[in-house]
Amino acid sequence: MKNSNPGASAGAIQHHYDVSNEFFKLWLDPTMSYSSALWAEDENETFEAAQLRKLDFHINQARATGAQRVLDVGCGWGAILRRLVETHGVKQAVGLTLSNAQAEWIASFNQPRLEVRIESWSDHAPTAPYDAIISIGAFEHFAKPNLAKPQRVQGYRKFFQFCHDWLKPGGWMSLETITYENLRREEKSRFLEFEVYPESDLATLAEIAEATERIFEIVALRNDNEHAEHTWRIWLSALKANRSAAIALVGKEIFDRYEKYLKFCIIDSHVANTAQVRIALKRIDNPRP
């Protein structure tokens, strides 16, 4: 069943993520994490420390420490993969991405316990079950805009069913995604839809809950919107501070697009148009029909 999910195509993903690894390096933290940090009360904490806390949070929430095999769906530039094998004693970490640039970046680690695959989750065929699954900032790409709600939920449910099939009995999953909060789907920005994240749309919490019914137990959920806003602001500040270098790498048009995009995201977080949700899910081993 090739590329049968209702989400963004490889071309749409590459439109956003394959601009230039060196461009993203200018404004992301040293781990190259492209999702909200998780901040402590310490005002002097570094951005990198807050990002590492986020990585550890998801690894602990998925019960992945010391595991044999862990899957990262939408692995970005490999921050979780490296943390799993280099800090948490995981024997093998597998990452899925549709970005050629991200896969090249991860391959440069030369880490034998990491495996990155350029493929959609719907095409993934694991060689053995996983102990845990983590997915951060990928779920936003799992449904195209303008799908009717039943189609969206069906697509999300297919993803969770695949994860259920891939996990060992009793396995856990940690999911992070941006969701609609105080914003109707029809009110979303056309700039974000067409210029920043084509073929992608956010879910609502209700849609995620419906898609996991009788497959996964939702054990914990937190909304870290303030953490997300703080993260967006740091990224924007770093991008603006590196304006000349960024334009030299990708040109002014792309620089302006990402600057505008980050400003939009700050506003959406600040006024709670969107939420930054982190969810712990436990596999239901004997789901009812």
C-alpha atoms as a PDB file:
ATOM      1  CA  MET A   1       0.000   0.000   0.000  1.00  0.00           C
ATOM      2  CA  LYS A   2       2.314   2.758  -1.253  1.00  0.00           C
ATOM      3  CA  ASN A   3       1.972   6.285   0.189  1.00  0.00           C
ATOM      4  CA  SER A   4      -1.673   5.708   1.052  1.00  0.00           C
ATOM      5  CA  ASN A   5      -1.917   8.069   4.013  1.00  0.00           C
ATOM      6  CA  PRO A   6      -3.945  11.300   3.624  1.00  0.00           C
ATOM      7  CA  GLY A   7      -1.067  13.533   4.724  1.00  0.00           C
ATOM      8  CA  ALA A   8       1.609  15.646   3.094  1.00  0.00           C
ATOM      9  CA  SER A   9       3.634  14.280   0.178  1.00  0.00           C
ATOM     10  CA  ALA A  10       7.420  14.020   0.150  1.00  0.00           C
ATOM     11  CA  GLY A  11       7.565  17.111  -2.058  1.00  0.00           C
ATOM     12  CA  ALA A  12       5.508  19.137   0.428  1.00  0.00           C
ATOM     13  CA  ILE A  13       7.713  18.056   3.324  1.00  0.00           C
ATOM     14  CA  GLN A  14      10.875  18.889   1.407  1.00  0.00           C
ATOM     15  CA  HIS A  15       9.478  22.343   0.549  1.00  0.00           C
ATOM     16  CA  HIS A  16       9.806  23.252   4.226  1.00  0.00           C
ATOM     17  CA  TYR A  17      12.596  21.083   5.612  1.00  0.00           C
ATOM     18  CA  ASP A  18      15.019  20.833   2.687  1.00  0.00           C
ATOM     19  CA  VAL A  19      15.712  24.548   2.358  1.00  0.00           C
ATOM     20  CA  SER A  20      19.247  24.160   3.779  1.00  0.00           C
ATOM     21  CA  ASN A  21      20.608  22.340   6.807  1.00  0.00           C
ATOM     22  CA  GLU A  22      23.043  25.217   7.375  1.00  0.00           C
ATOM     23  CA  PHE A  23      20.125  27.671   7.321  1.00  0.00           C
ATOM     24  CA  PHE A  24      18.315  25.836  10.127  1.00  0.00           C
ATOM     25  CA  LYS A  25      21.592  25.502  12.032  1.00  0.00           C
ATOM     26  CA  LEU A  26      21.754  29.318  12.230  1.00  0.00           C
ATOM     27  CA  TRP A  27      18.668  29.593  14.434  1.00  0.00           C
ATOM     28  CA  LEU A  28      17.974  26.205  16.044  1.00  0.00           C
ATOM     29  CA  ASP A  29      19.788  25.098  19.200  1.00  0.00           C
ATOM     30  CA  PRO A  30      22.878  22.836  18.989  1.00  0.00           C
ATOM     31  CA  THR A  31      20.718  19.679  19.152  1.00  0.00           C
ATOM     32  CA  MET A  32      18.857  20.846  15.999  1.00  0.00           C
ATOM     33  CA  SER A  33      15.531  20.258  17.740  1.00  0.00           C
ATOM     34  CA  TYR A  34      12.707  21.761  15.697  1.00  0.00           C
ATOM     35  CA  SER A  35       9.933  21.657  18.284  1.00  0.00           C
ATOM     36  CA  SER A  36       9.074  23.418  21.516  1.00  0.00           C
ATOM     37  CA  ALA A  37      11.570  23.239  24.361  1.00  0.00           C
ATOM     38  CA  LEU A  38      10.487  22.291  27.879  1.00  0.00           C
ATOM     39  CA  TRP A  39      11.572  24.965  30.312  1.00  0.00           C
ATOM     40  CA  ALA A  40      12.342  24.655  34.022  1.00  0.00           C
ATOM     41  CA  GLU A  41      11.696  27.384  36.590  1.00  0.00           C
ATOM     42  CA  ASP A  42      15.363  28.453  36.386  1.00  0.00           C
ATOM     43  CA  GLU A  43      15.432  31.707  34.426  1.00  0.00           C
ATOM     44  CA  ASN A  44      19.127  31.233  33.652  1.00  0.00           C
ATOM     45  CA  GLU A  45      18.613  27.898  31.898  1.00  0.00           C
ATOM     46  CA  THR A  46      20.091  27.707  28.410  1.00  0.00           C
ATOM     47  CA  PHE A  47      17.956  26.991  25.365  1.00  0.00           C
ATOM     48  CA  GLU A  48      19.909  23.796  24.708  1.00  0.00           C
ATOM     49  CA  ALA A  49      19.255  22.570  28.265  1.00  0.00           C
ATOM     50  CA  ALA A  50      15.524  23.176  27.808  1.00  0.00           C
ATOM     51  CA  GLN A  51      15.588  21.239  24.545  1.00  0.00           C
ATOM     52  CA  LEU A  52      17.440  18.339  26.164  1.00  0.00           C
ATOM     53  CA  ARG A  53      14.818  18.325  28.939  1.00  0.00           C
ATOM     54  CA  LYS A  54      12.138  17.996  26.228  1.00  0.00           C
ATOM     55  CA  LEU A  55      13.968  15.071  24.625  1.00  0.00           C
ATOM     56  CA  ASP A  56      14.352  13.308  27.985  1.00  0.00           C
ATOM     57  CA  PHE A  57      10.698  13.984  28.809  1.00  0.00           C
ATOM     58  CA  HIS A  58       9.519  12.130  25.713  1.00  0.00           C
ATOM     59  CA  ILE A  59      11.996   9.289  26.155  1.00  0.00           C
ATOM     60  CA  ASN A  60      10.875   8.817  29.765  1.00  0.00           C
ATOM     61  CA  GLN A  61       7.198   9.161  28.859  1.00  0.00           C
ATOM     62  CA  ALA A  62       7.578   6.425  26.225  1.00  0.00           C
ATOM     63  CA  ARG A  63       9.417   4.185  28.749  1.00  0.00           C
ATOM     64  CA  ALA A  64      12.229   3.959  26.163  1.00  0.00           C
ATOM     65  CA  THR A  65      15.322   4.024  28.391  1.00  0.00           C
ATOM     66  CA  GLY A  66      17.349   0.821  27.956  1.00  0.00           C
ATOM     67  CA  ALA A  67      15.029  -0.495  25.248  1.00  0.00           C
ATOM     68  CA  GLN A  68      16.129  -2.776  22.442  1.00  0.00           C
ATOM     69  CA  ARG A  69      14.320  -0.958  19.623  1.00  0.00           C
ATOM     70  CA  VAL A  70      12.665   2.477  19.496  1.00  0.00           C
ATOM     71  CA  LEU A  71      10.957   4.179  16.542  1.00  0.00           C
ATOM     72  CA  ASP A  72      10.918   7.943  15.962  1.00  0.00           C
ATOM     73  CA  VAL A  73       8.227   8.901  13.437  1.00  0.00           C
ATOM     74  CA  GLY A  74       9.237  12.185  11.830  1.00  0.00           C
ATOM     75  CA  CYS A  75      12.756  12.188  13.253  1.00  0.00           C
ATOM     76  CA  GLY A  76      13.842  15.653  12.115  1.00  0.00           C
ATOM     77  CA  TRP A  77      17.585  16.165  12.373  1.00  0.00           C
ATOM     78  CA  GLY A  78      17.974  13.216  14.731  1.00  0.00           C
ATOM     79  CA  ALA A  79      18.021  14.835  18.167  1.00  0.00           C
ATOM     80  CA  ILE A  80      15.867  12.136  19.802  1.00  0.00           C
ATOM     81  CA  LEU A  81      17.696   9.338  17.973  1.00  0.00           C
ATOM     82  CA  ARG A  82      21.078  10.482  19.273  1.00  0.00           C
ATOM     83  CA  ARG A  83      19.748  11.008  22.792  1.00  0.00           C
ATOM     84  CA  LEU A  84      18.226   7.520  22.814  1.00  0.00           C
ATOM     85  CA  VAL A  85      21.423   5.675  21.934  1.00  0.00           C
ATOM     86  CA  GLU A  86      24.057   7.971  23.441  1.00  0.00           C
ATOM     87  CA  THR A  87      22.397   8.798  26.782  1.00  0.00           C
ATOM     88  CA  HIS A  88      19.529   6.360  27.377  1.00  0.00           C
ATOM     89  CA  GLY A  89      21.168   3.068  26.429  1.00  0.00           C
ATOM     90  CA  VAL A  90      18.851   2.129  23.563  1.00  0.00           C
ATOM     91  CA  LYS A  91      20.306  -0.634  21.393  1.00  0.00           C
ATOM     92  CA  GLN A  92      18.718   0.477  18.090  1.00  0.00           C
ATOM     93  CA  ALA A  93      16.851   3.656  17.194  1.00  0.00           C
ATOM     94  CA  VAL A  94      15.014   3.890  13.869  1.00  0.00           C
ATOM     95  CA  GLY A  95      13.933   7.230  12.430  1.00  0.00           C
ATOM     96  CA  LEU A  96      11.476   7.965   9.624  1.00  0.00           C
ATOM     97  CA  THR A  97      11.591  11.161   7.570  1.00  0.00           C
ATOM     98  CA  LEU A  98      10.589  12.332   4.107  1.00  0.00           C
ATOM     99  CA  SER A  99      13.361  14.938   4.094  1.00  0.00           C
ATOM    100  CA  ASN A 100      16.506  14.069   2.170  1.00  0.00           C
ATOM    101  CA  ALA A 101      18.400  16.860   3.922  1.00  0.00           C
ATOM    102  CA  GLN A 102      17.511  15.549   7.368  1.00  0.00           C
ATOM    103  CA  ALA A 103      18.502  12.003   6.408  1.00  0.00           C
ATOM    104  CA  GLU A 104      21.878  13.239   5.170  1.00  0.00           C
ATOM    105  CA  TRP A 105      22.416  15.138   8.418  1.00  0.00           C
ATOM    106  CA  ILE A 106      21.668  12.062  10.520  1.00  0.00           C
ATOM    107  CA  ALA A 107      23.873   9.840   8.353  1.00  0.00           C
ATOM    108  CA  SER A 108      26.779  12.182   9.098  1.00  0.00           C
ATOM    109  CA  PHE A 109      26.663  11.085  12.767  1.00  0.00           C
ATOM    110  CA  ASN A 110      28.197   7.729  11.752  1.00  0.00           C
ATOM    111  CA  GLN A 111      26.357   6.168  14.693  1.00  0.00           C
ATOM    112  CA  PRO A 112      25.928   2.412  14.035  1.00  0.00           C
ATOM    113  CA  ARG A 113      22.959   2.102  16.399  1.00  0.00           C
ATOM    114  CA  LEU A 114      20.935   4.642  14.394  1.00  0.00           C
ATOM    115  CA  GLU A 115      18.965   3.856  11.265  1.00  0.00           C
ATOM    116  CA  VAL A 116      17.224   6.578   9.288  1.00  0.00           C
ATOM    117  CA  ARG A 117      14.749   5.731   6.537  1.00  0.00           C
ATOM    118  CA  ILE A 118      13.363   8.108   3.921  1.00  0.00           C
ATOM    119  CA  GLU A 119       9.814   6.826   3.963  1.00  0.00           C
ATOM    120  CA  SER A 120       6.326   7.607   5.136  1.00  0.00           C
ATOM    121  CA  TRP A 121       4.947   5.911   8.220  1.00  0.00           C
ATOM    122  CA  SER A 122       2.327   4.299   5.969  1.00  0.00           C
ATOM    123  CA  ASP A 123       5.092   2.513   4.031  1.00  0.00           C
ATOM    124  CA  HIS A 124       7.086   1.413   7.066  1.00  0.00           C
ATOM    125  CA  ALA A 125       7.540  -2.337   7.514  1.00  0.00           C
ATOM    126  CA  PRO A 126       9.651  -2.990  10.617  1.00  0.00           C
ATOM    127  CA  THR A 127      11.847  -6.061  10.796  1.00  0.00           C
ATOM    128  CA  ALA A 128      10.949  -6.581  14.466  1.00  0.00           C
ATOM    129  CA  PRO A 129       8.550  -5.054  17.010  1.00  0.00           C
ATOM    130  CA  TYR A 130       9.405  -1.840  18.850  1.00  0.00           C
ATOM    131  CA  ASP A 131       9.524  -1.342  22.601  1.00  0.00           C
ATOM    132  CA  ALA A 132       8.488   2.308  22.308  1.00  0.00           C
ATOM    133  CA  ILE A 133       7.467   4.899  19.713  1.00  0.00           C
ATOM    134  CA  ILE A 134       8.069   8.648  19.818  1.00  0.00           C
ATOM    135  CA  SER A 135       6.703  11.233  17.391  1.00  0.00           C
ATOM    136  CA  ILE A 136       7.402  14.957  17.807  1.00  0.00           C
ATOM    137  CA  GLY A 137       6.205  17.585  15.370  1.00  0.00           C
ATOM    138  CA  ALA A 138       5.201  15.165  12.610  1.00  0.00           C
ATOM    139  CA  PHE A 139       1.499  14.657  13.309  1.00  0.00           C
ATOM    140  CA  GLU A 140       0.824  18.119  11.850  1.00  0.00           C
ATOM    141  CA  HIS A 141       1.617  16.631   8.432  1.00  0.00           C
ATOM    142  CA  PHE A 142      -0.684  13.597   8.670  1.00  0.00           C
ATOM    143  CA  ALA A 143      -3.790  15.205   7.111  1.00  0.00           C
ATOM    144  CA  LYS A 144      -4.136  17.439   4.078  1.00  0.00           C
ATOM    145  CA  PRO A 145      -6.225  20.611   4.350  1.00  0.00           C
ATOM    146  CA  ASN A 146      -9.922  20.525   3.481  1.00  0.00           C
ATOM    147  CA  LEU A 147     -10.420  16.864   4.311  1.00  0.00           C
ATOM    148  CA  ALA A 148     -13.787  16.156   5.870  1.00  0.00           C
ATOM    149  CA  LYS A 149     -13.600  15.258   9.547  1.00  0.00           C
ATOM    150  CA  PRO A 150     -14.354  11.530   9.027  1.00  0.00           C
ATOM    151  CA  GLN A 151     -11.490  11.293   6.529  1.00  0.00           C
ATOM    152  CA  ARG A 152      -9.082  13.074   8.881  1.00  0.00           C
ATOM    153  CA  VAL A 153      -9.980  10.877  11.832  1.00  0.00           C
ATOM    154  CA  GLN A 154      -9.777   7.759   9.663  1.00  0.00           C
ATOM    155  CA  GLY A 155      -6.250   8.766   8.567  1.00  0.00           C
ATOM    156  CA  TYR A 156      -5.159   9.482  12.125  1.00  0.00           C
ATOM    157  CA  ARG A 157      -6.655   6.204  13.292  1.00  0.00           C
ATOM    158  CA  LYS A 158      -4.747   4.339  10.591  1.00  0.00           C
ATOM    159  CA  PHE A 159      -1.528   5.863  11.954  1.00  0.00           C
ATOM    160  CA  PHE A 160      -2.344   4.810  15.510  1.00  0.00           C
ATOM    161  CA  GLN A 161      -3.356   1.344  14.323  1.00  0.00           C
ATOM    162  CA  PHE A 162       0.012   0.966  12.599  1.00  0.00           C
ATOM    163  CA  CYS A 163       1.778   2.073  15.793  1.00  0.00           C
ATOM    164  CA  HIS A 164      -0.300  -0.424  17.774  1.00  0.00           C
ATOM    165  CA  ASP A 165       0.739  -3.197  15.382  1.00  0.00           C
ATOM    166  CA  TRP A 166       4.420  -2.232  15.569  1.00  0.00           C
ATOM    167  CA  LEU A 167       4.611  -2.064  19.372  1.00  0.00           C
ATOM    168  CA  LYS A 168       5.243  -4.960  21.707  1.00  0.00           C
ATOM    169  CA  PRO A 169       2.448  -5.744  24.185  1.00  0.00           C
ATOM    170  CA  GLY A 170       2.395  -3.144  26.939  1.00  0.00           C
ATOM    171  CA  GLY A 171       4.366  -0.682  24.817  1.00  0.00           C
ATOM    172  CA  TRP A 172       4.134   3.068  25.232  1.00  0.00           C
ATOM    173  CA  MET A 173       4.077   5.966  22.803  1.00  0.00           C
ATOM    174  CA  SER A 174       4.876   9.652  23.335  1.00  0.00           C
ATOM    175  CA  LEU A 175       3.322  12.160  20.934  1.00  0.00           C
ATOM    176  CA  GLU A 176       3.871  15.909  20.595  1.00  0.00           C
ATOM    177  CA  THR A 177       1.935  18.038  18.154  1.00  0.00           C
ATOM    178  CA  ILE A 178       0.429  21.467  17.661  1.00  0.00           C
ATOM    179  CA  THR A 179      -3.375  21.379  17.696  1.00  0.00           C
ATOM    180  CA  TYR A 180      -6.165  23.828  17.033  1.00  0.00           C
ATOM    181  CA  GLU A 181      -7.300  25.517  20.226  1.00  0.00           C
ATOM    182  CA  ASN A 182      -9.211  28.841  20.036  1.00  0.00           C
ATOM    183  CA  LEU A 183      -9.273  28.851  16.246  1.00  0.00           C
ATOM    184  CA  ARG A 184     -11.670  27.339  13.729  1.00  0.00           C
ATOM    185  CA  ARG A 185     -10.090  25.375  10.904  1.00  0.00           C
ATOM    186  CA  GLU A 186     -11.617  27.690   8.297  1.00  0.00           C
ATOM    187  CA  GLU A 187      -9.965  30.696   9.990  1.00  0.00           C
ATOM    188  CA  LYS A 188      -6.405  29.437   9.612  1.00  0.00           C
ATOM    189  CA  SER A 189      -3.755  31.452   7.798  1.00  0.00           C
ATOM    190  CA  ARG A 190      -3.534  30.851   4.057  1.00  0.00           C
ATOM    191  CA  PHE A 191       0.102  31.956   4.236  1.00  0.00           C
ATOM    192  CA  LEU A 192       0.936  29.084   6.615  1.00  0.00           C
ATOM    193  CA  GLU A 193      -1.164  26.638   4.599  1.00  0.00           C
ATOM    194  CA  PHE A 194       0.248  27.371   1.171  1.00  0.00           C
ATOM    195  CA  GLU A 195       3.678  28.935   1.638  1.00  0.00           C
ATOM    196  CA  VAL A 196       5.035  27.391   4.839  1.00  0.00           C
ATOM    197  CA  TYR A 197       3.443  23.962   5.337  1.00  0.00           C
ATOM    198  CA  PRO A 198       1.715  22.907   2.111  1.00  0.00           C
ATOM    199  CA  GLU A 199      -0.544  19.843   2.195  1.00  0.00           C
ATOM    200  CA  SER A 200      -0.585  19.913   6.010  1.00  0.00           C
ATOM    201  CA  ASP A 201      -3.211  20.679   8.625  1.00  0.00           C
ATOM    202  CA  LEU A 202      -3.505  20.595  12.401  1.00  0.00           C
ATOM    203  CA  ALA A 203      -5.687  18.189  14.333  1.00  0.00           C
ATOM    204  CA  THR A 204      -7.943  18.955  17.256  1.00  0.00           C
ATOM    205  CA  LEU A 205      -7.607  17.167  20.565  1.00  0.00           C
ATOM    206  CA  ALA A 206     -11.044  15.650  20.004  1.00  0.00           C
ATOM    207  CA  GLU A 207      -9.909  14.135  16.697  1.00  0.00           C
ATOM    208  CA  ILE A 208      -6.810  12.612  18.317  1.00  0.00           C
ATOM    209  CA  ALA A 209      -8.895  11.178  21.154  1.00  0.00           C
ATOM    210  CA  GLU A 210     -11.401   9.688  18.722  1.00  0.00           C
ATOM    211  CA  ALA A 211      -8.624   8.207  16.570  1.00  0.00           C
ATOM    212  CA  THR A 212      -7.060   6.399  19.545  1.00  0.00           C
ATOM    213  CA  GLU A 213     -10.270   4.880  20.959  1.00  0.00           C
ATOM    214  CA  ARG A 214      -9.858   1.185  21.870  1.00  0.00           C
ATOM    215  CA  ILE A 215      -6.282   1.219  20.459  1.00  0.00           C
ATOM    216  CA  PHE A 216      -4.371   3.334  22.957  1.00  0.00           C
ATOM    217  CA  GLU A 217      -5.127   4.497  26.467  1.00  0.00           C
ATOM    218  CA  ILE A 218      -4.444   8.225  26.880  1.00  0.00           C
ATOM    219  CA  VAL A 219      -2.559   8.249  30.170  1.00  0.00           C
ATOM    220  CA  ALA A 220      -1.305  11.833  30.388  1.00  0.00           C
ATOM    221  CA  LEU A 221      -1.732  15.067  28.460  1.00  0.00           C
ATOM    222  CA  ARG A 222      -0.199  18.494  28.940  1.00  0.00           C
ATOM    223  CA  ASN A 223      -0.477  21.744  27.011  1.00  0.00           C
ATOM    224  CA  ASP A 224       2.833  23.623  27.016  1.00  0.00           C
ATOM    225  CA  ASN A 225       1.742  26.633  24.999  1.00  0.00           C
ATOM    226  CA  GLU A 226       3.824  29.109  27.024  1.00  0.00           C
ATOM    227  CA  HIS A 227       6.900  26.960  26.391  1.00  0.00           C
ATOM    228  CA  ALA A 228       6.106  26.987  22.679  1.00  0.00           C
ATOM    229  CA  GLU A 229       5.745  30.768  22.553  1.00  0.00           C
ATOM    230  CA  HIS A 230       9.080  31.177  24.335  1.00  0.00           C
ATOM    231  CA  THR A 231      10.681  28.791  21.845  1.00  0.00           C
ATOM    232  CA  TRP A 232       9.237  30.619  18.814  1.00  0.00           C
ATOM    233  CA  ARG A 233      10.570  33.909  20.203  1.00  0.00           C
ATOM    234  CA  ILE A 234      14.084  32.531  20.637  1.00  0.00           C
ATOM    235  CA  TRP A 235      14.070  31.116  17.102  1.00  0.00           C
ATOM    236  CA  LEU A 236      12.900  34.432  15.658  1.00  0.00           C
ATOM    237  CA  SER A 237      15.541  36.362  17.580  1.00  0.00           C
ATOM    238  CA  ALA A 238      18.278  33.986  16.389  1.00  0.00           C
ATOM    239  CA  LEU A 239      17.078  34.133  12.785  1.00  0.00           C
ATOM    240  CA  LYS A 240      17.045  37.956  12.807  1.00  0.00           C
ATOM    241  CA  ALA A 241      20.488  38.054  14.451  1.00  0.00           C
ATOM    242  CA  ASN A 242      21.829  35.909  11.593  1.00  0.00           C
ATOM    243  CA  ARG A 243      19.974  37.742   8.830  1.00  0.00           C
ATOM    244  CA  SER A 244      22.976  38.340   6.565  1.00  0.00           C
ATOM    245  CA  ALA A 245      24.241  34.767   6.816  1.00  0.00           C
ATOM    246  CA  ALA A 246      20.746  33.374   6.262  1.00  0.00           C
ATOM    247  CA  ILE A 247      20.140  35.474   3.149  1.00  0.00           C
ATOM    248  CA  ALA A 248      23.537  34.452   1.802  1.00  0.00           C
ATOM    249  CA  LEU A 249      22.489  30.806   2.182  1.00  0.00           C
ATOM    250  CA  VAL A 250      18.878  30.811   0.956  1.00  0.00           C
ATOM    251  CA  GLY A 251      18.078  34.268  -0.416  1.00  0.00           C
ATOM    252  CA  LYS A 252      15.892  37.077   0.896  1.00  0.00           C
ATOM    253  CA  GLU A 253      12.577  35.586  -0.234  1.00  0.00           C
ATOM    254  CA  ILE A 254      13.030  32.445   1.849  1.00  0.00           C
ATOM    255  CA  PHE A 255      14.444  34.421   4.792  1.00  0.00           C
ATOM    256  CA  ASP A 256      11.359  36.673   4.743  1.00  0.00           C
ATOM    257  CA  ARG A 257       9.063  33.643   4.561  1.00  0.00           C
ATOM    258  CA  TYR A 258      10.546  32.056   7.672  1.00  0.00           C
ATOM    259  CA  GLU A 259      10.660  35.340   9.578  1.00  0.00           C
ATOM    260  CA  LYS A 260       6.974  35.932   8.856  1.00  0.00           C
ATOM    261  CA  TYR A 261       6.129  32.317   9.721  1.00  0.00           C
ATOM    262  CA  LEU A 262       7.815  32.545  13.131  1.00  0.00           C
ATOM    263  CA  LYS A 263       5.947  35.771  13.881  1.00  0.00           C
ATOM    264  CA  PHE A 264       2.641  34.091  13.004  1.00  0.00           C
ATOM    265  CA  CYS A 265       3.428  31.186  15.338  1.00  0.00           C
ATOM    266  CA  ILE A 266       4.292  33.506  18.231  1.00  0.00           C
ATOM    267  CA  ILE A 267       0.905  35.196  17.875  1.00  0.00           C
ATOM    268  CA  ASP A 268      -0.984  31.897  17.576  1.00  0.00           C
ATOM    269  CA  SER A 269       0.641  30.588  20.762  1.00  0.00           C
ATOM    270  CA  HIS A 270       0.211  33.864  22.655  1.00  0.00           C
ATOM    271  CA  VAL A 271      -3.526  34.166  22.001  1.00  0.00           C
ATOM    272  CA  ALA A 272      -4.100  30.393  22.291  1.00  0.00           C
ATOM    273  CA  ASN A 273      -5.176  29.930  18.694  1.00  0.00           C
ATOM    274  CA  THR A 274      -3.103  26.759  18.909  1.00  0.00           C
ATOM    275  CA  ALA A 275      -1.924  24.445  21.674  1.00  0.00           C
ATOM    276  CA  GLN A 276       1.362  22.575  22.123  1.00  0.00           C
ATOM    277  CA  VAL A 277       0.242  19.181  23.393  1.00  0.00           C
ATOM    278  CA  ARG A 278       2.344  16.319  24.707  1.00  0.00           C
ATOM    279  CA  ILE A 279       0.504  13.031  25.148  1.00  0.00           C
ATOM    280  CA  ALA A 280       1.465   9.716  26.756  1.00  0.00           C
ATOM    281  CA  LEU A 281      -0.300   6.721  25.213  1.00  0.00           C
ATOM    282  CA  LYS A 282      -0.222   3.122  26.400  1.00  0.00           C
ATOM    283  CA  ARG A 283      -0.994   0.289  24.012  1.00  0.00           C
ATOM    284  CA  ILE A 284      -4.272  -1.529  24.695  1.00  0.00           C
ATOM    285  CA  ASP A 285      -3.201  -5.103  24.129  1.00  0.00           C
ATOM    286  CA  ASN A 286      -6.670  -6.599  23.650  1.00  0.00           C
ATOM    287  CA  PRO A 287      -8.748  -3.914  21.954  1.00  0.00           C
ATOM    288  CA  ARG A 288     -12.469  -4.483  21.621  1.00  0.00           C
ATOM    289  CA  PRO A 289     -13.872  -4.535  18.075  1.00  0.00           C
END
